[in-house]
PDB file of all heavy atoms in Angstrom:
ATOM      1  N   LEU A   1     -27.153   4.679  73.365  1.00  0.00           N
ATOM      2  CA  LEU A   1     -26.549   5.804  72.654  1.00  0.00           C
ATOM      3  C   LEU A   1     -25.965   5.364  71.316  1.00  0.00           C
ATOM      4  O   LEU A   1     -26.111   6.054  70.298  1.00  0.00           O
ATOM      5  CB  LEU A   1     -25.447   6.443  73.508  1.00  0.00           C
ATOM      6  CG  LEU A   1     -25.881   7.371  74.636  1.00  0.00           C
ATOM      7  CD1 LEU A   1     -24.667   7.859  75.416  1.00  0.00           C
ATOM      8  CD2 LEU A   1     -26.672   8.556  74.106  1.00  0.00           C
ATOM      9  N   THR A   2     -25.332   4.205  71.300  1.00  0.00           N
ATOM     10  CA  THR A   2     -24.737   3.707  70.059  1.00  0.00           C
ATOM     11  C   THR A   2     -25.806   3.341  69.038  1.00  0.00           C
ATOM     12  O   THR A   2     -25.651   3.613  67.838  1.00  0.00           O
ATOM     13  CB  THR A   2     -23.844   2.495  70.355  1.00  0.00           C
ATOM     14  OG1 THR A   2     -22.827   2.860  71.297  1.00  0.00           O
ATOM     15  CG2 THR A   2     -23.185   1.989  69.088  1.00  0.00           C
ATOM     16  N   VAL A   3     -26.889   2.717  69.486  1.00  0.00           N
ATOM     17  CA  VAL A   3     -27.983   2.367  68.570  1.00  0.00           C
ATOM     18  C   VAL A   3     -28.578   3.623  67.931  1.00  0.00           C
ATOM     19  O   VAL A   3     -28.825   3.668  66.719  1.00  0.00           O
ATOM     20  CB  VAL A   3     -29.063   1.560  69.312  1.00  0.00           C
ATOM     21  CG1 VAL A   3     -30.299   1.387  68.442  1.00  0.00           C
ATOM     22  CG2 VAL A   3     -28.524   0.194  69.730  1.00  0.00           C
ATOM     23  N   LEU A   4     -28.806   4.646  68.740  1.00  0.00           N
ATOM     24  CA  LEU A   4     -29.328   5.901  68.201  1.00  0.00           C
ATOM     25  C   LEU A   4     -28.322   6.554  67.261  1.00  0.00           C
ATOM     26  O   LEU A   4     -28.691   7.095  66.209  1.00  0.00           O
ATOM     27  CB  LEU A   4     -29.676   6.849  69.354  1.00  0.00           C
ATOM     28  CG  LEU A   4     -30.901   6.456  70.181  1.00  0.00           C
ATOM     29  CD1 LEU A   4     -31.027   7.356  71.411  1.00  0.00           C
ATOM     30  CD2 LEU A   4     -32.171   6.533  69.345  1.00  0.00           C
ATOM     31  N   ALA A   5     -27.034   6.504  67.644  1.00  0.00           N
ATOM     32  CA  ALA A   5     -26.001   7.078  66.781  1.00  0.00           C
ATOM     33  C   ALA A   5     -25.928   6.337  65.453  1.00  0.00           C
ATOM     34  O   ALA A   5     -25.782   6.960  64.385  1.00  0.00           O
ATOM     35  CB  ALA A   5     -24.645   7.034  67.492  1.00  0.00           C
ATOM     36  N   ASP A   6     -26.020   5.012  65.489  1.00  0.00           N
ATOM     37  CA  ASP A   6     -26.019   4.228  64.241  1.00  0.00           C
ATOM     38  C   ASP A   6     -27.205   4.602  63.350  1.00  0.00           C
ATOM     39  O   ASP A   6     -27.046   4.803  62.134  1.00  0.00           O
ATOM     40  CB  ASP A   6     -26.089   2.734  64.565  1.00  0.00           C
ATOM     41  CG  ASP A   6     -24.823   2.213  65.195  1.00  0.00           C
ATOM     42  OD1 ASP A   6     -23.796   2.904  65.123  1.00  0.00           O
ATOM     43  OD2 ASP A   6     -24.861   1.113  65.781  1.00  0.00           O
ATOM     44  N   SER A   7     -28.382   4.707  63.959  1.00  0.00           N
ATOM     45  CA  SER A   7     -29.587   5.012  63.179  1.00  0.00           C
ATOM     46  C   SER A   7     -29.491   6.383  62.521  1.00  0.00           C
ATOM     47  O   SER A   7     -29.747   6.540  61.315  1.00  0.00           O
ATOM     48  CB  SER A   7     -30.821   4.951  64.091  1.00  0.00           C
ATOM     49  OG  SER A   7     -30.930   3.691  64.711  1.00  0.00           O
ATOM     50  N   VAL A   8     -29.117   7.379  63.318  1.00  0.00           N
ATOM     51  CA  VAL A   8     -29.003   8.731  62.778  1.00  0.00           C
ATOM     52  C   VAL A   8     -27.862   8.816  61.772  1.00  0.00           C
ATOM     53  O   VAL A   8     -27.963   9.504  60.745  1.00  0.00           O
ATOM     54  CB  VAL A   8     -28.801   9.741  63.918  1.00  0.00           C
ATOM     55  CG1 VAL A   8     -28.550  11.139  63.365  1.00  0.00           C
ATOM     56  CG2 VAL A   8     -30.017   9.751  64.835  1.00  0.00           C
ATOM     57  N   GLY A   9     -26.764   8.097  62.029  1.00  0.00           N
ATOM     58  CA  GLY A   9     -25.632   8.112  61.102  1.00  0.00           C
ATOM     59  C   GLY A   9     -25.998   7.531  59.747  1.00  0.00           C
ATOM     60  O   GLY A   9     -25.590   8.060  58.700  1.00  0.00           O
ATOM     61  N   ILE A  10     -26.758   6.437  59.748  1.00  0.00           N
ATOM     62  CA  ILE A  10     -27.185   5.836  58.478  1.00  0.00           C
ATOM     63  C   ILE A  10     -28.111   6.782  57.719  1.00  0.00           C
ATOM     64  O   ILE A  10     -27.996   6.944  56.495  1.00  0.00           O
ATOM     65  CB  ILE A  10     -27.883   4.488  58.741  1.00  0.00           C
ATOM     66  CG1 ILE A  10     -26.850   3.457  59.201  1.00  0.00           C
ATOM     67  CG2 ILE A  10     -28.604   3.990  57.492  1.00  0.00           C
ATOM     68  CD1 ILE A  10     -27.447   2.143  59.624  1.00  0.00           C
ATOM     69  N   ILE A  11     -29.020   7.435  58.436  1.00  0.00           N
ATOM     70  CA  ILE A  11     -29.918   8.392  57.783  1.00  0.00           C
ATOM     71  C   ILE A  11     -29.125   9.565  57.209  1.00  0.00           C
ATOM     72  O   ILE A  11     -29.380  10.023  56.089  1.00  0.00           O
ATOM     73  CB  ILE A  11     -30.987   8.882  58.774  1.00  0.00           C
ATOM     74  CG1 ILE A  11     -31.909   7.726  59.157  1.00  0.00           C
ATOM     75  CG2 ILE A  11     -31.800  10.033  58.187  1.00  0.00           C
ATOM     76  CD1 ILE A  11     -32.890   8.055  60.255  1.00  0.00           C
ATOM     77  N   ALA A  12     -28.140  10.053  57.962  1.00  0.00           N
ATOM     78  CA  ALA A  12     -27.309  11.158  57.473  1.00  0.00           C
ATOM     79  C   ALA A  12     -26.501  10.727  56.254  1.00  0.00           C
ATOM     80  O   ALA A  12     -26.362  11.496  55.282  1.00  0.00           O
ATOM     81  CB  ALA A  12     -26.384  11.643  58.589  1.00  0.00           C
ATOM     82  N   GLY A  13     -25.969   9.494  56.291  1.00  0.00           N
ATOM     83  CA  GLY A  13     -25.236   8.993  55.120  1.00  0.00           C
ATOM     84  C   GLY A  13     -26.133   8.831  53.916  1.00  0.00           C
ATOM     85  O   GLY A  13     -25.730   9.119  52.778  1.00  0.00           O
ATOM     86  N   TRP A  14     -27.360   8.359  54.139  1.00  0.00           N
ATOM     87  CA  TRP A  14     -28.339   8.251  53.036  1.00  0.00           C
ATOM     88  C   TRP A  14     -28.648   9.609  52.443  1.00  0.00           C
ATOM     89  O   TRP A  14     -28.695   9.774  51.220  1.00  0.00           O
ATOM     90  CB  TRP A  14     -29.613   7.604  53.568  1.00  0.00           C
ATOM     91  CG  TRP A  14     -30.823   7.828  52.702  1.00  0.00           C
ATOM     92  CD1 TRP A  14     -31.145   7.167  51.556  1.00  0.00           C
ATOM     93  CD2 TRP A  14     -31.849   8.805  52.910  1.00  0.00           C
ATOM     94  NE1 TRP A  14     -32.317   7.659  51.028  1.00  0.00           N
ATOM     95  CE2 TRP A  14     -32.769   8.680  51.853  1.00  0.00           C
ATOM     96  CE3 TRP A  14     -32.076   9.769  53.883  1.00  0.00           C
ATOM     97  CZ2 TRP A  14     -33.895   9.487  51.749  1.00  0.00           C
ATOM     98  CZ3 TRP A  14     -33.194  10.561  53.792  1.00  0.00           C
ATOM     99  CH2 TRP A  14     -34.091  10.418  52.733  1.00  0.00           C
ATOM    100  N   PHE A  15     -28.846  10.606  53.297  1.00  0.00           N
ATOM    101  CA  PHE A  15     -29.153  11.953  52.815  1.00  0.00           C
ATOM    102  C   PHE A  15     -28.018  12.499  51.953  1.00  0.00           C
ATOM    103  O   PHE A  15     -28.253  13.059  50.871  1.00  0.00           O
ATOM    104  CB  PHE A  15     -29.402  12.889  54.002  1.00  0.00           C
ATOM    105  CG  PHE A  15     -29.603  14.324  53.619  1.00  0.00           C
ATOM    106  CD1 PHE A  15     -30.821  14.766  53.130  1.00  0.00           C
ATOM    107  CD2 PHE A  15     -28.563  15.245  53.732  1.00  0.00           C
ATOM    108  CE1 PHE A  15     -30.999  16.090  52.754  1.00  0.00           C
ATOM    109  CE2 PHE A  15     -28.735  16.562  53.376  1.00  0.00           C
ATOM    110  CZ  PHE A  15     -29.959  16.991  52.877  1.00  0.00           C
ATOM    111  N   ALA A  16     -26.766  12.329  52.425  1.00  0.00           N
ATOM    112  CA  ALA A  16     -25.621  12.822  51.655  1.00  0.00           C
ATOM    113  C   ALA A  16     -25.478  12.072  50.335  1.00  0.00           C
ATOM    114  O   ALA A  16     -25.168  12.677  49.298  1.00  0.00           O
ATOM    115  CB  ALA A  16     -24.342  12.679  52.490  1.00  0.00           C
ATOM    116  N   ALA A  17     -25.718  10.759  50.366  1.00  0.00           N
ATOM    117  CA  ALA A  17     -25.584   9.974  49.140  1.00  0.00           C
ATOM    118  C   ALA A  17     -26.620  10.371  48.098  1.00  0.00           C
ATOM    119  O   ALA A  17     -26.313  10.484  46.905  1.00  0.00           O
ATOM    120  CB  ALA A  17     -25.717   8.484  49.476  1.00  0.00           C
ATOM    121  N   VAL A  18     -27.858  10.590  48.521  1.00  0.00           N
ATOM    122  CA  VAL A  18     -28.922  10.955  47.589  1.00  0.00           C
ATOM    123  C   VAL A  18     -28.800  12.403  47.146  1.00  0.00           C
ATOM    124  O   VAL A  18     -28.981  12.728  45.961  1.00  0.00           O
ATOM    125  CB  VAL A  18     -30.305  10.692  48.242  1.00  0.00           C
ATOM    126  CG1 VAL A  18     -31.429  11.206  47.356  1.00  0.00           C
ATOM    127  CG2 VAL A  18     -30.483   9.208  48.530  1.00  0.00           C
ATOM    128  N   ARG A  19     -28.457  13.276  48.084  1.00  0.00           N
ATOM    129  CA  ARG A  19     -28.458  14.712  47.795  1.00  0.00           C
ATOM    130  C   ARG A  19     -27.240  15.142  46.990  1.00  0.00           C
ATOM    131  O   ARG A  19     -27.355  15.944  46.056  1.00  0.00           O
ATOM    132  CB  ARG A  19     -28.510  15.493  49.126  1.00  0.00           C
ATOM    133  CG  ARG A  19     -28.456  17.010  48.976  1.00  0.00           C
ATOM    134  CD  ARG A  19     -29.715  17.539  48.292  1.00  0.00           C
ATOM    135  NE  ARG A  19     -29.687  18.980  48.198  1.00  0.00           N
ATOM    136  CZ  ARG A  19     -29.036  19.686  47.279  1.00  0.00           C
ATOM    137  NH1 ARG A  19     -28.354  19.036  46.336  1.00  0.00           N
ATOM    138  NH2 ARG A  19     -29.081  21.000  47.257  1.00  0.00           N
ATOM    139  N   TRP A  20     -26.052  14.628  47.315  1.00  0.00           N
ATOM    140  CA  TRP A  20     -24.824  15.135  46.693  1.00  0.00           C
ATOM    141  C   TRP A  20     -24.129  14.140  45.771  1.00  0.00           C
ATOM    142  O   TRP A  20     -23.362  14.544  44.905  1.00  0.00           O
ATOM    143  CB  TRP A  20     -23.839  15.574  47.775  1.00  0.00           C
ATOM    144  CG  TRP A  20     -24.317  16.765  48.542  1.00  0.00           C
ATOM    145  CD1 TRP A  20     -24.711  17.967  48.032  1.00  0.00           C
ATOM    146  CD2 TRP A  20     -24.460  16.866  49.963  1.00  0.00           C
ATOM    147  NE1 TRP A  20     -25.086  18.815  49.039  1.00  0.00           N
ATOM    148  CE2 TRP A  20     -24.947  18.175  50.242  1.00  0.00           C
ATOM    149  CE3 TRP A  20     -24.238  16.006  51.016  1.00  0.00           C
ATOM    150  CZ2 TRP A  20     -25.199  18.611  51.534  1.00  0.00           C
ATOM    151  CZ3 TRP A  20     -24.485  16.442  52.309  1.00  0.00           C
ATOM    152  CH2 TRP A  20     -24.966  17.730  52.564  1.00  0.00           C
ATOM    153  N   ILE A  21     -24.377  12.841  45.960  1.00  0.00           N
ATOM    154  CA  ILE A  21     -23.702  11.846  45.121  1.00  0.00           C
ATOM    155  C   ILE A  21     -24.606  11.373  43.990  1.00  0.00           C
ATOM    156  O   ILE A  21     -24.124  10.857  42.980  1.00  0.00           O
ATOM    157  CB  ILE A  21     -23.233  10.646  45.979  1.00  0.00           C
ATOM    158  CG1 ILE A  21     -22.430  11.136  47.192  1.00  0.00           C
ATOM    159  CG2 ILE A  21     -22.366   9.689  45.178  1.00  0.00           C
ATOM    160  CD1 ILE A  21     -21.203  11.920  46.826  1.00  0.00           C
ATOM    161  N   GLY A  22     -25.901  11.554  44.132  1.00  0.00           N
ATOM    162  CA  GLY A  22     -26.826  11.143  43.085  1.00  0.00           C
ATOM    163  C   GLY A  22     -27.191   9.669  43.125  1.00  0.00           C
ATOM    164  O   GLY A  22     -27.590   9.090  42.107  1.00  0.00           O
ATOM    165  N   VAL A  23     -27.066   9.040  44.287  1.00  0.00           N
ATOM    166  CA  VAL A  23     -27.437   7.631  44.433  1.00  0.00           C
ATOM    167  C   VAL A  23     -28.954   7.535  44.569  1.00  0.00           C
ATOM    168  O   VAL A  23     -29.577   8.322  45.286  1.00  0.00           O
ATOM    169  CB  VAL A  23     -26.744   7.003  45.663  1.00  0.00           C
ATOM    170  CG1 VAL A  23     -27.198   5.562  45.864  1.00  0.00           C
ATOM    171  CG2 VAL A  23     -25.233   7.070  45.499  1.00  0.00           C
ATOM    172  N   ASP A  24     -29.543   6.553  43.895  1.00  0.00           N
ATOM    173  CA  ASP A  24     -30.983   6.347  44.007  1.00  0.00           C
ATOM    174  C   ASP A  24     -31.326   5.888  45.426  1.00  0.00           C
ATOM    175  O   ASP A  24     -30.660   4.999  45.991  1.00  0.00           O
ATOM    176  CB  ASP A  24     -31.435   5.297  42.994  1.00  0.00           C
ATOM    177  CG  ASP A  24     -32.939   5.083  43.035  1.00  0.00           C
ATOM    178  OD1 ASP A  24     -33.676   5.926  42.499  1.00  0.00           O
ATOM    179  OD2 ASP A  24     -33.362   4.069  43.638  1.00  0.00           O
ATOM    180  N   SER A  25     -32.341   6.502  46.007  1.00  0.00           N
ATOM    181  CA  SER A  25     -32.694   6.221  47.398  1.00  0.00           C
ATOM    182  C   SER A  25     -33.044   4.748  47.615  1.00  0.00           C
ATOM    183  O   SER A  25     -32.599   4.120  48.583  1.00  0.00           O
ATOM    184  CB  SER A  25     -33.872   7.104  47.821  1.00  0.00           C
ATOM    185  OG  SER A  25     -34.270   6.813  49.144  1.00  0.00           O
ATOM    186  N   GLU A  26     -33.829   4.175  46.718  1.00  0.00           N
ATOM    187  CA  GLU A  26     -34.242   2.780  46.888  1.00  0.00           C
ATOM    188  C   GLU A  26     -33.061   1.832  46.781  1.00  0.00           C
ATOM    189  O   GLU A  26     -32.946   0.885  47.566  1.00  0.00           O
ATOM    190  CB  GLU A  26     -35.287   2.427  45.830  1.00  0.00           C
ATOM    191  CG  GLU A  26     -35.855   1.031  45.998  1.00  0.00           C
ATOM    192  CD  GLU A  26     -36.960   0.729  44.998  1.00  0.00           C
ATOM    193  OE1 GLU A  26     -37.332   1.654  44.241  1.00  0.00           O
ATOM    194  OE2 GLU A  26     -37.443  -0.412  44.976  1.00  0.00           O
ATOM    195  N   PHE A  27     -32.142   2.104  45.850  1.00  0.00           N
ATOM    196  CA  PHE A  27     -30.965   1.261  45.706  1.00  0.00           C
ATOM    197  C   PHE A  27     -30.062   1.362  46.945  1.00  0.00           C
ATOM    198  O   PHE A  27     -29.424   0.392  47.338  1.00  0.00           O
ATOM    199  CB  PHE A  27     -30.175   1.646  44.449  1.00  0.00           C
ATOM    200  CG  PHE A  27     -30.683   0.975  43.207  1.00  0.00           C
ATOM    201  CD1 PHE A  27     -31.257   1.713  42.190  1.00  0.00           C
ATOM    202  CD2 PHE A  27     -30.594  -0.403  43.050  1.00  0.00           C
ATOM    203  CE1 PHE A  27     -31.734   1.102  41.039  1.00  0.00           C
ATOM    204  CE2 PHE A  27     -31.061  -1.026  41.916  1.00  0.00           C
ATOM    205  CZ  PHE A  27     -31.630  -0.276  40.906  1.00  0.00           C
ATOM    206  N   PHE A  28     -30.000   2.549  47.540  1.00  0.00           N
ATOM    207  CA  PHE A  28     -29.188   2.727  48.754  1.00  0.00           C
ATOM    208  C   PHE A  28     -29.681   1.796  49.859  1.00  0.00           C
ATOM    209  O   PHE A  28     -28.904   1.077  50.483  1.00  0.00           O
ATOM    210  CB  PHE A  28     -29.249   4.182  49.213  1.00  0.00           C
ATOM    211  CG  PHE A  28     -28.440   4.463  50.457  1.00  0.00           C
ATOM    212  CD1 PHE A  28     -27.123   4.877  50.357  1.00  0.00           C
ATOM    213  CD2 PHE A  28     -28.993   4.310  51.729  1.00  0.00           C
ATOM    214  CE1 PHE A  28     -26.374   5.125  51.507  1.00  0.00           C
ATOM    215  CE2 PHE A  28     -28.262   4.559  52.870  1.00  0.00           C
ATOM    216  CZ  PHE A  28     -26.944   4.972  52.758  1.00  0.00           C
ATOM    217  N   TRP A  29     -30.997   1.786  50.101  1.00  0.00           N
ATOM    218  CA  TRP A  29     -31.538   0.967  51.189  1.00  0.00           C
ATOM    219  C   TRP A  29     -31.474  -0.514  50.861  1.00  0.00           C
ATOM    220  O   TRP A  29     -31.242  -1.350  51.752  1.00  0.00           O
ATOM    221  CB  TRP A  29     -32.970   1.391  51.494  1.00  0.00           C
ATOM    222  CG  TRP A  29     -33.059   2.763  52.075  1.00  0.00           C
ATOM    223  CD1 TRP A  29     -33.582   3.879  51.486  1.00  0.00           C
ATOM    224  CD2 TRP A  29     -32.585   3.184  53.361  1.00  0.00           C
ATOM    225  NE1 TRP A  29     -33.474   4.963  52.319  1.00  0.00           N
ATOM    226  CE2 TRP A  29     -32.867   4.567  53.488  1.00  0.00           C
ATOM    227  CE3 TRP A  29     -31.968   2.526  54.415  1.00  0.00           C
ATOM    228  CZ2 TRP A  29     -32.536   5.286  54.607  1.00  0.00           C
ATOM    229  CZ3 TRP A  29     -31.625   3.240  55.547  1.00  0.00           C
ATOM    230  CH2 TRP A  29     -31.920   4.612  55.648  1.00  0.00           C
ATOM    231  N   LEU A  30     -31.670  -0.883  49.582  1.00  0.00           N
ATOM    232  CA  LEU A  30     -31.554  -2.284  49.195  1.00  0.00           C
ATOM    233  C   LEU A  30     -30.117  -2.784  49.373  1.00  0.00           C
ATOM    234  O   LEU A  30     -29.888  -3.905  49.846  1.00  0.00           O
ATOM    235  CB  LEU A  30     -31.994  -2.468  47.741  1.00  0.00           C
ATOM    236  CG  LEU A  30     -33.495  -2.357  47.463  1.00  0.00           C
ATOM    237  CD1 LEU A  30     -33.769  -2.415  45.971  1.00  0.00           C
ATOM    238  CD2 LEU A  30     -34.258  -3.474  48.184  1.00  0.00           C
ATOM    239  N   SER A  31     -29.161  -1.941  49.002  1.00  0.00           N
ATOM    240  CA  SER A  31     -27.758  -2.306  49.164  1.00  0.00           C
ATOM    241  C   SER A  31     -27.391  -2.444  50.636  1.00  0.00           C
ATOM    242  O   SER A  31     -26.678  -3.364  51.034  1.00  0.00           O
ATOM    243  CB  SER A  31     -26.874  -1.256  48.492  1.00  0.00           C
ATOM    244  OG  SER A  31     -25.511  -1.523  48.720  1.00  0.00           O
ATOM    245  N   LEU A  32     -27.891  -1.514  51.453  1.00  0.00           N
ATOM    246  CA  LEU A  32     -27.601  -1.554  52.887  1.00  0.00           C
ATOM    247  C   LEU A  32     -28.188  -2.817  53.520  1.00  0.00           C
ATOM    248  O   LEU A  32     -27.520  -3.519  54.288  1.00  0.00           O
ATOM    249  CB  LEU A  32     -28.163  -0.310  53.558  1.00  0.00           C
ATOM    250  CG  LEU A  32     -27.844  -0.111  55.038  1.00  0.00           C
ATOM    251  CD1 LEU A  32     -27.675   1.371  55.347  1.00  0.00           C
ATOM    252  CD2 LEU A  32     -28.958  -0.669  55.933  1.00  0.00           C
ATOM    253  N   ARG A  33     -29.429  -3.111  53.186  1.00  0.00           N
ATOM    254  CA  ARG A  33     -30.088  -4.277  53.789  1.00  0.00           C
ATOM    255  C   ARG A  33     -29.439  -5.580  53.333  1.00  0.00           C
ATOM    256  O   ARG A  33     -29.307  -6.527  54.113  1.00  0.00           O
ATOM    257  CB  ARG A  33     -31.572  -4.269  53.431  1.00  0.00           C
ATOM    258  CG  ARG A  33     -32.372  -5.356  54.136  1.00  0.00           C
ATOM    259  CD  ARG A  33     -33.842  -5.230  53.813  1.00  0.00           C
ATOM    260  NE  ARG A  33     -34.088  -5.391  52.372  1.00  0.00           N
ATOM    261  CZ  ARG A  33     -35.287  -5.295  51.803  1.00  0.00           C
ATOM    262  NH1 ARG A  33     -36.340  -4.985  52.551  1.00  0.00           N
ATOM    263  NH2 ARG A  33     -35.429  -5.447  50.506  1.00  0.00           N
TER     264      ARG A  33
END
């Protein structure tokens, strides 16, 4: 349950960052990794 929650949470955070904050999608994933 936690692994699934982490995965979905990261995707939701990525969506909010790209959609409302204007963060570049590729930079978001590079920074996360």
